[in-house]
Amino acid sequence: MQRLADKVAIVTGAAQGIGAHFARGLAAEGAKVVIADVLDGTETADSIVRAKGTARFIRTDVSKASDVQALVAQTVAEFGTIDILVNNAAIFATLGNKKFHEISSEEFDKVMAVNVRGPFECAKAVAPLMIEKGAGKIVNIASGTVFKGVPNLLHYVSSKGAVVAMTRCLAREFGPHNVNVNAIAPGLTMSDGVLGQSDWTDDYIESNKNSRALKRRQVPGDLVGSMVFLCSSDSDFMTGQTIVVDGGAVMH
């Protein structure tokens, strides 16, 4: 039996990369999936439909409250409710490695707007519906870099540290309404974005791989099982947690 049959899920940043894998994974478990992205998510939605699932793409900039409110309104108008929110949209692969004093104020603010305010705006927008229903699953995407203090990505690592903190605070506030809020912290994952950037050299990727207990490169599919678990009834008594999925590079 499909664990997410008839559930309605919004996955932000799902036009490509890890988000697209999340969307397909949730759809394979029976969820009706809305792909929210500033990029064109039509092909991801179409791939789900070709696999006999249900999906649609809604263009959304998660850093804009008006876009997020429209996303929620359109989702409810089409599917009647929202059961699951996956806050995956983030700026990462295009940032490049640079010393903290080389990061411009404009770039810092842009990362924070998408990576931190985006999940805040999305959680805020679905809150009335989930609170009224007395049920819901919110999954934020953090990063294993938070637990390592990875250098040369201060704005990104700081933003994901904020996501961990936000997850804990939201879990406390949503808890009385039976809404679960958890996070996944991936390791360096061989997504299209990472593979397409010269900053992620083979030497860097190999060094990252060798820091793991499981000595192989991480791929997007490694994260899907944990995502389905956190969106399903299997995790009903779990909230405020951050699960590190990185092959054992971080253990805490």
Foldseek 3Di string as FASTA:
>chain_A
DQQQALAEEEQEPCLFWLNLVQQLLNQVSHYAYEYEYQDDSQVSQVVSVVVVGHYDYDYAQLLDLVRLLVVQVVSCVVSVAHAEYELDWFDDLPPFFDAPVPDDPVNLVVRLSRLPSSVVSNCVNRVVRLLVVLHHFYEYEAAPCLVVVDGRPVSNSVSSVNVLVVQQVVCVVCVVSLYAGEYEHEYDEPTPSNVPDPSCPPVNQQVLQVLAPQRDHHYSVQCNVVSSCRSGCVCSPDHSYYHYRYRHSDDD
